[in-house]
Amino acid sequence: MLQRNNQHRDRSTGFFGVIAEPASYGSILYLLLGLPLGTLYFSVIVTGVSLGIGLMPLALIGIPIIIGQWYVNRAFMHIERGLAAGLLQLDIDKVPPVPAWPGGLWRHFKAVMADKVGWRGMLYLLLRFPVGVFTFSLAVTLVSTSLGMTFAPTYMWTSNDIEWFGWDVDPFPWSFALVPIGIVLTFVSLHLMNALARACGRWTQWTFSRERDD
């Protein structure tokens, strides 16, 4: 189904048709959400793991904290799967549950520590922070630059003259030259953000793939 969805998008989206595609705006939202969600994941995981390890010698209080962190990580993974499936229209394997309690706190802790899906998911969630910083910054830069150039005449008509090689130049007449550049940049930006969002989605898909655990 993933191939069918991608093929459909490729057929229906030309260079100019990308602006009419709802998926394009889903990609923008996905890239923008990378920063707040990545910050949340990183903060909660680092705090939880640090607290659990720090309290481990104190009557083993850290053990239930670490186990609880594994359940929190699973909830975060469900959020990531939902975003990739909903906003990017990708088929993502369901996130398996935390290993069942086999009896006793220590045995449950050992089962959690042997959970490959949990370790891989935690690494993915931690990396969502730096990746989210990059995707957010790029999306904001592309959107603001392309829209700023496209609508330059709407706000530059109030600008004061600028000095250029000793001459006072009114920037308003020149702002119209930015409009076609901004329009082209808008379409280019949409394609770039779609490509980046799909790359991030495939990373999510690869991380959550059950085939890697067979």
C-alpha atoms as a PDB file:
ATOM      1  CA  MET A   1       0.000   0.000   0.000  1.00  0.00           C
ATOM      2  CA  LEU A   2       2.909   2.334   0.632  1.00  0.00           C
ATOM      3  CA  GLN A   3       3.990   2.033  -2.980  1.00  0.00           C
ATOM      4  CA  ARG A   4       0.455   2.669  -4.189  1.00  0.00           C
ATOM      5  CA  ASN A   5       0.136   5.794  -2.059  1.00  0.00           C
ATOM      6  CA  ASN A   6       3.468   7.165  -3.282  1.00  0.00           C
ATOM      7  CA  GLN A   7       2.705   6.337  -6.907  1.00  0.00           C
ATOM      8  CA  HIS A   8      -0.652   8.087  -6.625  1.00  0.00           C
ATOM      9  CA  ARG A   9       1.007  11.171  -5.204  1.00  0.00           C
ATOM     10  CA  ASP A  10       3.621  11.191  -7.983  1.00  0.00           C
ATOM     11  CA  ARG A  11       0.950  10.925 -10.700  1.00  0.00           C
ATOM     12  CA  SER A  12      -1.307  13.641  -9.268  1.00  0.00           C
ATOM     13  CA  THR A  13       1.416  16.112  -8.334  1.00  0.00           C
ATOM     14  CA  GLY A  14       3.374  17.925 -10.990  1.00  0.00           C
ATOM     15  CA  PHE A  15       5.704  20.817 -10.303  1.00  0.00           C
ATOM     16  CA  PHE A  16       2.838  23.332 -10.063  1.00  0.00           C
ATOM     17  CA  GLY A  17       0.180  20.880  -8.865  1.00  0.00           C
ATOM     18  CA  VAL A  18       1.978  20.427  -5.560  1.00  0.00           C
ATOM     19  CA  ILE A  19       0.375  23.586  -4.185  1.00  0.00           C
ATOM     20  CA  ALA A  20      -3.110  22.025  -4.509  1.00  0.00           C
ATOM     21  CA  GLU A  21      -2.147  18.794  -2.787  1.00  0.00           C
ATOM     22  CA  PRO A  22      -3.418  18.476   0.826  1.00  0.00           C
ATOM     23  CA  ALA A  23      -0.458  16.171   1.480  1.00  0.00           C
ATOM     24  CA  SER A  24       1.893  19.122   0.951  1.00  0.00           C
ATOM     25  CA  TYR A  25       0.435  20.925   3.947  1.00  0.00           C
ATOM     26  CA  GLY A  26       0.478  17.720   5.944  1.00  0.00           C
ATOM     27  CA  SER A  27       4.201  17.564   5.246  1.00  0.00           C
ATOM     28  CA  ILE A  28       4.682  21.146   6.456  1.00  0.00           C
ATOM     29  CA  LEU A  29       2.778  20.426   9.676  1.00  0.00           C
ATOM     30  CA  TYR A  30       4.788  17.244  10.215  1.00  0.00           C
ATOM     31  CA  LEU A  31       8.074  19.119   9.848  1.00  0.00           C
ATOM     32  CA  LEU A  32       6.945  21.896  12.192  1.00  0.00           C
ATOM     33  CA  LEU A  33       5.797  19.445  14.878  1.00  0.00           C
ATOM     34  CA  GLY A  34       9.266  17.913  14.961  1.00  0.00           C
ATOM     35  CA  LEU A  35      10.621  20.631  17.259  1.00  0.00           C
ATOM     36  CA  PRO A  36       7.987  20.705  20.033  1.00  0.00           C
ATOM     37  CA  LEU A  37       7.513  16.938  20.041  1.00  0.00           C
ATOM     38  CA  GLY A  38      11.237  16.234  19.805  1.00  0.00           C
ATOM     39  CA  THR A  39      11.856  18.584  22.722  1.00  0.00           C
ATOM     40  CA  LEU A  40       9.145  16.836  24.757  1.00  0.00           C
ATOM     41  CA  TYR A  41      10.501  13.356  24.031  1.00  0.00           C
ATOM     42  CA  PHE A  42      14.093  14.312  24.794  1.00  0.00           C
ATOM     43  CA  SER A  43      13.229  16.095  28.044  1.00  0.00           C
ATOM     44  CA  VAL A  44      11.003  13.324  29.400  1.00  0.00           C
ATOM     45  CA  ILE A  45      13.353  10.478  28.453  1.00  0.00           C
ATOM     46  CA  VAL A  46      16.515  12.131  29.772  1.00  0.00           C
ATOM     47  CA  THR A  47      14.757  13.091  33.004  1.00  0.00           C
ATOM     48  CA  GLY A  48      13.171   9.676  33.510  1.00  0.00           C
ATOM     49  CA  VAL A  49      16.269   7.623  32.736  1.00  0.00           C
ATOM     50  CA  SER A  50      18.529   9.892  34.804  1.00  0.00           C
ATOM     51  CA  LEU A  51      16.126   9.742  37.743  1.00  0.00           C
ATOM     52  CA  GLY A  52      15.781   5.982  37.465  1.00  0.00           C
ATOM     53  CA  ILE A  53      19.523   5.349  37.340  1.00  0.00           C
ATOM     54  CA  GLY A  54      20.175   7.846  40.136  1.00  0.00           C
ATOM     55  CA  LEU A  55      17.644   6.191  42.455  1.00  0.00           C
ATOM     56  CA  MET A  56      18.683   2.636  41.606  1.00  0.00           C
ATOM     57  CA  PRO A  57      20.899   2.228  44.709  1.00  0.00           C
ATOM     58  CA  LEU A  58      18.153   3.666  46.944  1.00  0.00           C
ATOM     59  CA  ALA A  59      16.083   0.583  47.720  1.00  0.00           C
ATOM     60  CA  LEU A  60      15.828  -0.106  43.994  1.00  0.00           C
ATOM     61  CA  ILE A  61      13.297   2.710  43.577  1.00  0.00           C
ATOM     62  CA  GLY A  62      14.843   3.348  40.189  1.00  0.00           C
ATOM     63  CA  ILE A  63      13.619   0.025  38.787  1.00  0.00           C
ATOM     64  CA  PRO A  64       9.895   0.904  38.632  1.00  0.00           C
ATOM     65  CA  ILE A  65      10.852   4.339  37.275  1.00  0.00           C
ATOM     66  CA  ILE A  66      12.774   2.737  34.404  1.00  0.00           C
ATOM     67  CA  ILE A  67       9.902   0.330  33.736  1.00  0.00           C
ATOM     68  CA  GLY A  68       7.458   3.246  33.756  1.00  0.00           C
ATOM     69  CA  GLN A  69       9.687   5.133  31.326  1.00  0.00           C
ATOM     70  CA  TRP A  70       9.404   2.203  28.922  1.00  0.00           C
ATOM     71  CA  TYR A  71       5.611   2.583  28.925  1.00  0.00           C
ATOM     72  CA  VAL A  72       5.916   6.345  28.386  1.00  0.00           C
ATOM     73  CA  ASN A  73       8.256   5.695  25.457  1.00  0.00           C
ATOM     74  CA  ARG A  74       5.673   3.358  23.940  1.00  0.00           C
ATOM     75  CA  ALA A  75       3.050   6.109  24.190  1.00  0.00           C
ATOM     76  CA  PHE A  76       5.410   8.493  22.382  1.00  0.00           C
ATOM     77  CA  MET A  77       6.002   5.867  19.691  1.00  0.00           C
ATOM     78  CA  HIS A  78       2.239   5.590  19.168  1.00  0.00           C
ATOM     79  CA  ILE A  79       2.113   9.368  18.675  1.00  0.00           C
ATOM     80  CA  GLU A  80       4.894   9.207  16.074  1.00  0.00           C
ATOM     81  CA  ARG A  81       3.212   6.352  14.250  1.00  0.00           C
ATOM     82  CA  GLY A  82      -0.085   8.248  14.172  1.00  0.00           C
ATOM     83  CA  LEU A  83       1.549  11.395  12.806  1.00  0.00           C
ATOM     84  CA  ALA A  84       3.413   9.555  10.050  1.00  0.00           C
ATOM     85  CA  ALA A  85       0.311   7.591   9.075  1.00  0.00           C
ATOM     86  CA  GLY A  86      -2.082  10.538   9.221  1.00  0.00           C
ATOM     87  CA  LEU A  87      -0.044  13.449   7.892  1.00  0.00           C
ATOM     88  CA  LEU A  88       2.267  11.612   5.482  1.00  0.00           C
ATOM     89  CA  GLN A  89      -0.164   8.883   4.387  1.00  0.00           C
ATOM     90  CA  LEU A  90       2.313   6.093   5.111  1.00  0.00           C
ATOM     91  CA  ASP A  91       1.620   2.553   6.267  1.00  0.00           C
ATOM     92  CA  ILE A  92       3.434   2.056   9.572  1.00  0.00           C
ATOM     93  CA  ASP A  93       3.488  -1.238  11.470  1.00  0.00           C
ATOM     94  CA  LYS A  94       1.710  -1.170  14.821  1.00  0.00           C
ATOM     95  CA  VAL A  95       3.887  -0.594  17.853  1.00  0.00           C
ATOM     96  CA  PRO A  96       4.129  -3.830  19.905  1.00  0.00           C
ATOM     97  CA  PRO A  97       3.339  -3.538  23.612  1.00  0.00           C
ATOM     98  CA  VAL A  98       5.905  -3.567  26.386  1.00  0.00           C
ATOM     99  CA  PRO A  99       6.896  -7.173  27.266  1.00  0.00           C
ATOM    100  CA  ALA A 100       4.337  -8.742  29.592  1.00  0.00           C
ATOM    101  CA  TRP A 101       5.018  -8.948  33.304  1.00  0.00           C
ATOM    102  CA  PRO A 102       6.498 -12.460  33.754  1.00  0.00           C
ATOM    103  CA  GLY A 103       6.256 -12.354  37.547  1.00  0.00           C
ATOM    104  CA  GLY A 104       8.146 -10.202  39.982  1.00  0.00           C
ATOM    105  CA  LEU A 105       9.523  -6.698  39.629  1.00  0.00           C
ATOM    106  CA  TRP A 106      13.057  -7.867  38.874  1.00  0.00           C
ATOM    107  CA  ARG A 107      11.925 -10.235  36.123  1.00  0.00           C
ATOM    108  CA  HIS A 108       9.835  -7.517  34.581  1.00  0.00           C
ATOM    109  CA  PHE A 109      12.831  -5.192  34.655  1.00  0.00           C
ATOM    110  CA  LYS A 110      14.989  -7.823  32.955  1.00  0.00           C
ATOM    111  CA  ALA A 111      12.327  -8.338  30.279  1.00  0.00           C
ATOM    112  CA  VAL A 112      12.197  -4.595  29.653  1.00  0.00           C
ATOM    113  CA  MET A 113      15.992  -4.364  29.398  1.00  0.00           C
ATOM    114  CA  ALA A 114      15.929  -7.156  26.784  1.00  0.00           C
ATOM    115  CA  ASP A 115      13.254  -5.386  24.717  1.00  0.00           C
ATOM    116  CA  LYS A 116      14.911  -4.510  21.402  1.00  0.00           C
ATOM    117  CA  VAL A 117      11.882  -2.564  20.211  1.00  0.00           C
ATOM    118  CA  GLY A 118      12.038  -0.400  23.322  1.00  0.00           C
ATOM    119  CA  TRP A 119      15.735   0.403  22.917  1.00  0.00           C
ATOM    120  CA  ARG A 120      15.351   1.157  19.231  1.00  0.00           C
ATOM    121  CA  GLY A 121      12.299   3.286  19.920  1.00  0.00           C
ATOM    122  CA  MET A 122      14.066   5.259  22.640  1.00  0.00           C
ATOM    123  CA  LEU A 123      16.985   5.997  20.322  1.00  0.00           C
ATOM    124  CA  TYR A 124      14.537   7.112  17.645  1.00  0.00           C
ATOM    125  CA  LEU A 125      12.714   9.392  20.089  1.00  0.00           C
ATOM    126  CA  LEU A 126      15.960  10.953  21.320  1.00  0.00           C
ATOM    127  CA  LEU A 127      17.064  11.631  17.744  1.00  0.00           C
ATOM    128  CA  ARG A 128      13.730  13.294  17.035  1.00  0.00           C
ATOM    129  CA  PHE A 129      15.008  16.328  18.944  1.00  0.00           C
ATOM    130  CA  PRO A 130      17.983  17.252  16.708  1.00  0.00           C
ATOM    131  CA  VAL A 131      16.088  16.140  13.609  1.00  0.00           C
ATOM    132  CA  GLY A 132      13.102  18.193  14.729  1.00  0.00           C
ATOM    133  CA  VAL A 133      15.252  21.279  15.212  1.00  0.00           C
ATOM    134  CA  PHE A 134      16.493  20.896  11.636  1.00  0.00           C
ATOM    135  CA  THR A 135      13.090  20.209  10.051  1.00  0.00           C
ATOM    136  CA  PHE A 136      11.406  23.047  11.958  1.00  0.00           C
ATOM    137  CA  SER A 137      14.130  25.546  11.064  1.00  0.00           C
ATOM    138  CA  LEU A 138      14.136  24.550   7.401  1.00  0.00           C
ATOM    139  CA  ALA A 139      10.342  24.649   7.092  1.00  0.00           C
ATOM    140  CA  VAL A 140      10.082  28.065   8.752  1.00  0.00           C
ATOM    141  CA  THR A 141      12.898  29.446   6.599  1.00  0.00           C
ATOM    142  CA  LEU A 142      11.445  28.149   3.325  1.00  0.00           C
ATOM    143  CA  VAL A 143       7.887  29.244   4.067  1.00  0.00           C
ATOM    144  CA  SER A 144       8.804  32.694   5.395  1.00  0.00           C
ATOM    145  CA  THR A 145      11.286  33.421   2.610  1.00  0.00           C
ATOM    146  CA  SER A 146       9.045  32.334  -0.255  1.00  0.00           C
ATOM    147  CA  LEU A 147       5.966  34.115   1.110  1.00  0.00           C
ATOM    148  CA  GLY A 148       7.988  37.199   2.028  1.00  0.00           C
ATOM    149  CA  MET A 149       9.283  37.540  -1.505  1.00  0.00           C
ATOM    150  CA  THR A 150       5.906  36.749  -3.111  1.00  0.00           C
ATOM    151  CA  PHE A 151       4.080  39.431  -1.140  1.00  0.00           C
ATOM    152  CA  ALA A 152       6.948  41.918  -0.958  1.00  0.00           C
ATOM    153  CA  PRO A 153       4.990  44.805  -2.570  1.00  0.00           C
ATOM    154  CA  THR A 154       2.272  44.567   0.097  1.00  0.00           C
ATOM    155  CA  TYR A 155       4.608  45.690   2.871  1.00  0.00           C
ATOM    156  CA  MET A 156       7.502  47.398   1.086  1.00  0.00           C
ATOM    157  CA  TRP A 157       5.330  50.288  -0.107  1.00  0.00           C
ATOM    158  CA  THR A 158       5.628  51.730   3.411  1.00  0.00           C
ATOM    159  CA  SER A 159       9.418  51.256   3.573  1.00  0.00           C
ATOM    160  CA  ASN A 160      11.746  54.208   3.738  1.00  0.00           C
ATOM    161  CA  ASP A 161      14.265  54.900   1.015  1.00  0.00           C
ATOM    162  CA  ILE A 162      17.526  52.997   1.286  1.00  0.00           C
ATOM    163  CA  GLU A 163      20.945  54.333   0.460  1.00  0.00           C
ATOM    164  CA  TRP A 164      22.690  52.456  -2.333  1.00  0.00           C
ATOM    165  CA  PHE A 165      26.106  53.697  -3.473  1.00  0.00           C
ATOM    166  CA  GLY A 166      25.256  57.200  -2.337  1.00  0.00           C
ATOM    167  CA  TRP A 167      21.810  57.215  -3.989  1.00  0.00           C
ATOM    168  CA  ASP A 168      18.469  57.233  -2.163  1.00  0.00           C
ATOM    169  CA  VAL A 169      16.475  54.373  -3.673  1.00  0.00           C
ATOM    170  CA  ASP A 170      12.768  53.660  -3.140  1.00  0.00           C
ATOM    171  CA  PRO A 171      12.521  49.859  -2.619  1.00  0.00           C
ATOM    172  CA  PHE A 172       8.817  49.652  -3.511  1.00  0.00           C
ATOM    173  CA  PRO A 173       9.144  49.612  -7.349  1.00  0.00           C
ATOM    174  CA  TRP A 174      11.901  47.037  -7.089  1.00  0.00           C
ATOM    175  CA  SER A 175       9.817  44.806  -4.828  1.00  0.00           C
ATOM    176  CA  PHE A 176       7.748  43.653  -7.813  1.00  0.00           C
ATOM    177  CA  ALA A 177      10.853  41.938  -9.189  1.00  0.00           C
ATOM    178  CA  LEU A 178      10.797  39.680  -6.118  1.00  0.00           C
ATOM    179  CA  VAL A 179       7.272  38.420  -6.794  1.00  0.00           C
ATOM    180  CA  PRO A 180       8.053  35.909  -9.605  1.00  0.00           C
ATOM    181  CA  ILE A 181      11.108  34.726  -7.690  1.00  0.00           C
ATOM    182  CA  GLY A 182       8.975  34.197  -4.598  1.00  0.00           C
ATOM    183  CA  ILE A 183       6.326  32.303  -6.579  1.00  0.00           C
ATOM    184  CA  VAL A 184       8.868  29.905  -8.075  1.00  0.00           C
ATOM    185  CA  LEU A 185      10.527  29.506  -4.674  1.00  0.00           C
ATOM    186  CA  THR A 186       7.140  28.617  -3.165  1.00  0.00           C
ATOM    187  CA  PHE A 187       6.737  25.632  -5.476  1.00  0.00           C
ATOM    188  CA  VAL A 188      10.359  24.577  -5.009  1.00  0.00           C
ATOM    189  CA  SER A 189       9.965  24.850  -1.235  1.00  0.00           C
ATOM    190  CA  LEU A 190       6.860  22.669  -1.244  1.00  0.00           C
ATOM    191  CA  HIS A 191       8.658  19.950  -3.182  1.00  0.00           C
ATOM    192  CA  LEU A 192      11.662  20.153  -0.869  1.00  0.00           C
ATOM    193  CA  MET A 193       9.513  19.919   2.255  1.00  0.00           C
ATOM    194  CA  ASN A 194       7.553  17.000   0.781  1.00  0.00           C
ATOM    195  CA  ALA A 195      10.804  15.166   0.082  1.00  0.00           C
ATOM    196  CA  LEU A 196      12.153  15.833   3.571  1.00  0.00           C
ATOM    197  CA  ALA A 197       8.894  14.778   5.222  1.00  0.00           C
ATOM    198  CA  ARG A 198       8.846  11.545   3.199  1.00  0.00           C
ATOM    199  CA  ALA A 199      12.440  10.828   4.251  1.00  0.00           C
ATOM    200  CA  CYS A 200      11.497  11.317   7.899  1.00  0.00           C
ATOM    201  CA  GLY A 201       8.432   9.141   7.392  1.00  0.00           C
ATOM    202  CA  ARG A 202      10.487   6.330   5.900  1.00  0.00           C
ATOM    203  CA  TRP A 203      12.817   6.579   8.887  1.00  0.00           C
ATOM    204  CA  THR A 204       9.802   6.109  11.164  1.00  0.00           C
ATOM    205  CA  GLN A 205       8.568   3.256   9.015  1.00  0.00           C
ATOM    206  CA  TRP A 206      11.957   1.529   9.139  1.00  0.00           C
ATOM    207  CA  THR A 207      12.216   1.986  12.914  1.00  0.00           C
ATOM    208  CA  PHE A 208       8.811   0.478  13.599  1.00  0.00           C
ATOM    209  CA  SER A 209       9.073  -2.330  11.023  1.00  0.00           C
ATOM    210  CA  ARG A 210       8.276  -5.711  12.542  1.00  0.00           C
ATOM    211  CA  GLU A 211      10.338  -7.480   9.918  1.00  0.00           C
ATOM    212  CA  ARG A 212      13.488  -6.313  11.710  1.00  0.00           C
ATOM    213  CA  ASP A 213      12.488  -8.292  14.803  1.00  0.00           C
ATOM    214  CA  ASP A 214      11.588 -11.566  13.041  1.00  0.00           C
END
